[in-house]
Protein backbone atom coordinates (compact mmCIF):
# COMPACT_ATOMS: atom_id res chain seq x y z
CA MET A 1 90.20 167.75 102.07
CA ASP A 2 87.74 164.94 101.73
CA LEU A 3 84.66 164.45 103.87
CA ILE A 4 85.82 161.30 105.68
CA SER A 5 89.05 162.88 106.93
CA LEU A 6 87.14 165.97 108.06
CA LEU A 7 84.69 163.77 110.00
CA VAL A 8 87.51 161.81 111.63
CA ALA A 9 89.30 165.03 112.58
CA LEU A 10 86.10 166.42 114.10
CA ILE A 11 85.56 163.26 116.15
CA VAL A 12 89.15 163.30 117.42
CA ILE A 13 88.92 166.99 118.35
CA ALA A 14 85.61 166.47 120.17
CA LEU A 15 87.06 163.48 122.04
CA LEU A 16 90.10 165.52 123.02
CA PHE A 17 87.98 168.38 124.37
CA TRP A 18 85.81 165.91 126.31
CA ALA A 19 88.85 164.19 127.82
CA VAL A 20 90.46 167.46 128.87
CA ARG A 21 87.21 168.66 130.45
CA ALA A 22 86.79 165.37 132.33
CA LEU A 23 90.38 165.35 133.57
CA MET A 24 90.22 168.96 134.74
CA ALA A 25 87.01 168.22 136.61
CA ALA A 26 88.49 165.06 138.15
CA PHE A 27 91.58 166.88 139.43
CA GLY A 28 89.62 169.95 140.53
CA ILE A 29 91.48 172.45 138.37
CA GLY A 30 90.09 175.94 138.86
CA ASP A 31 88.28 178.12 136.36
CA PRO A 32 91.09 180.51 135.36
CA ILE A 33 93.48 177.66 134.51
CA ALA A 34 90.75 175.72 132.71
CA THR A 35 89.98 178.77 130.56
CA VAL A 36 93.63 179.12 129.58
CA VAL A 37 93.79 175.42 128.66
CA TYR A 38 90.65 175.70 126.52
CA VAL A 39 91.96 178.80 124.74
CA LEU A 40 95.27 177.08 123.98
CA MET A 41 93.43 174.03 122.68
CA VAL A 42 91.25 176.15 120.39
CA VAL A 43 94.29 178.00 119.03
CA VAL A 44 96.10 174.71 118.32
CA VAL A 45 93.03 173.24 116.58
CA ILE A 46 92.53 176.37 114.46
CA LEU A 47 96.19 176.41 113.41
CA TRP A 48 96.08 172.71 112.60
CA LEU A 49 92.92 173.02 110.50
CA LEU A 50 94.21 176.15 108.80
CA GLY A 51 97.40 174.36 107.85
CA ALA A 52 95.42 171.36 106.60
CA VAL A 53 93.10 173.47 104.45
CA THR A 54 95.68 175.82 102.96
CA GLY A 55 98.55 173.33 102.75
CA SER A 56 100.93 175.70 104.48
CA PRO A 57 102.93 174.41 107.44
CA ALA A 58 100.98 176.38 110.06
CA LEU A 59 101.09 173.48 112.52
CA HIS A 60 102.18 169.97 111.66
CA LEU A 61 101.51 167.26 114.20
CA GLY A 62 103.72 164.52 112.87
CA SER A 63 102.34 163.11 109.65
CA VAL A 64 98.70 164.03 110.31
CA ARG A 65 97.37 165.74 107.21
CA LEU A 66 93.79 166.27 106.07
CA HIS A 67 94.55 166.35 102.32
């Protein structure tokens, strides 16, 4: 995994978390549902990064690879 792809992945993940937070605040989604959404997002990101680092197919999102 090179440094540029890691930086791009980090920016995309941060943008995704910001967008989800803004949309949940705009639609007035309550705290229990927001917590579940955040936990699911963290699990997906961890599986995606784990698959990218180890090379195993933990979670493939199309052709997005960090190698």
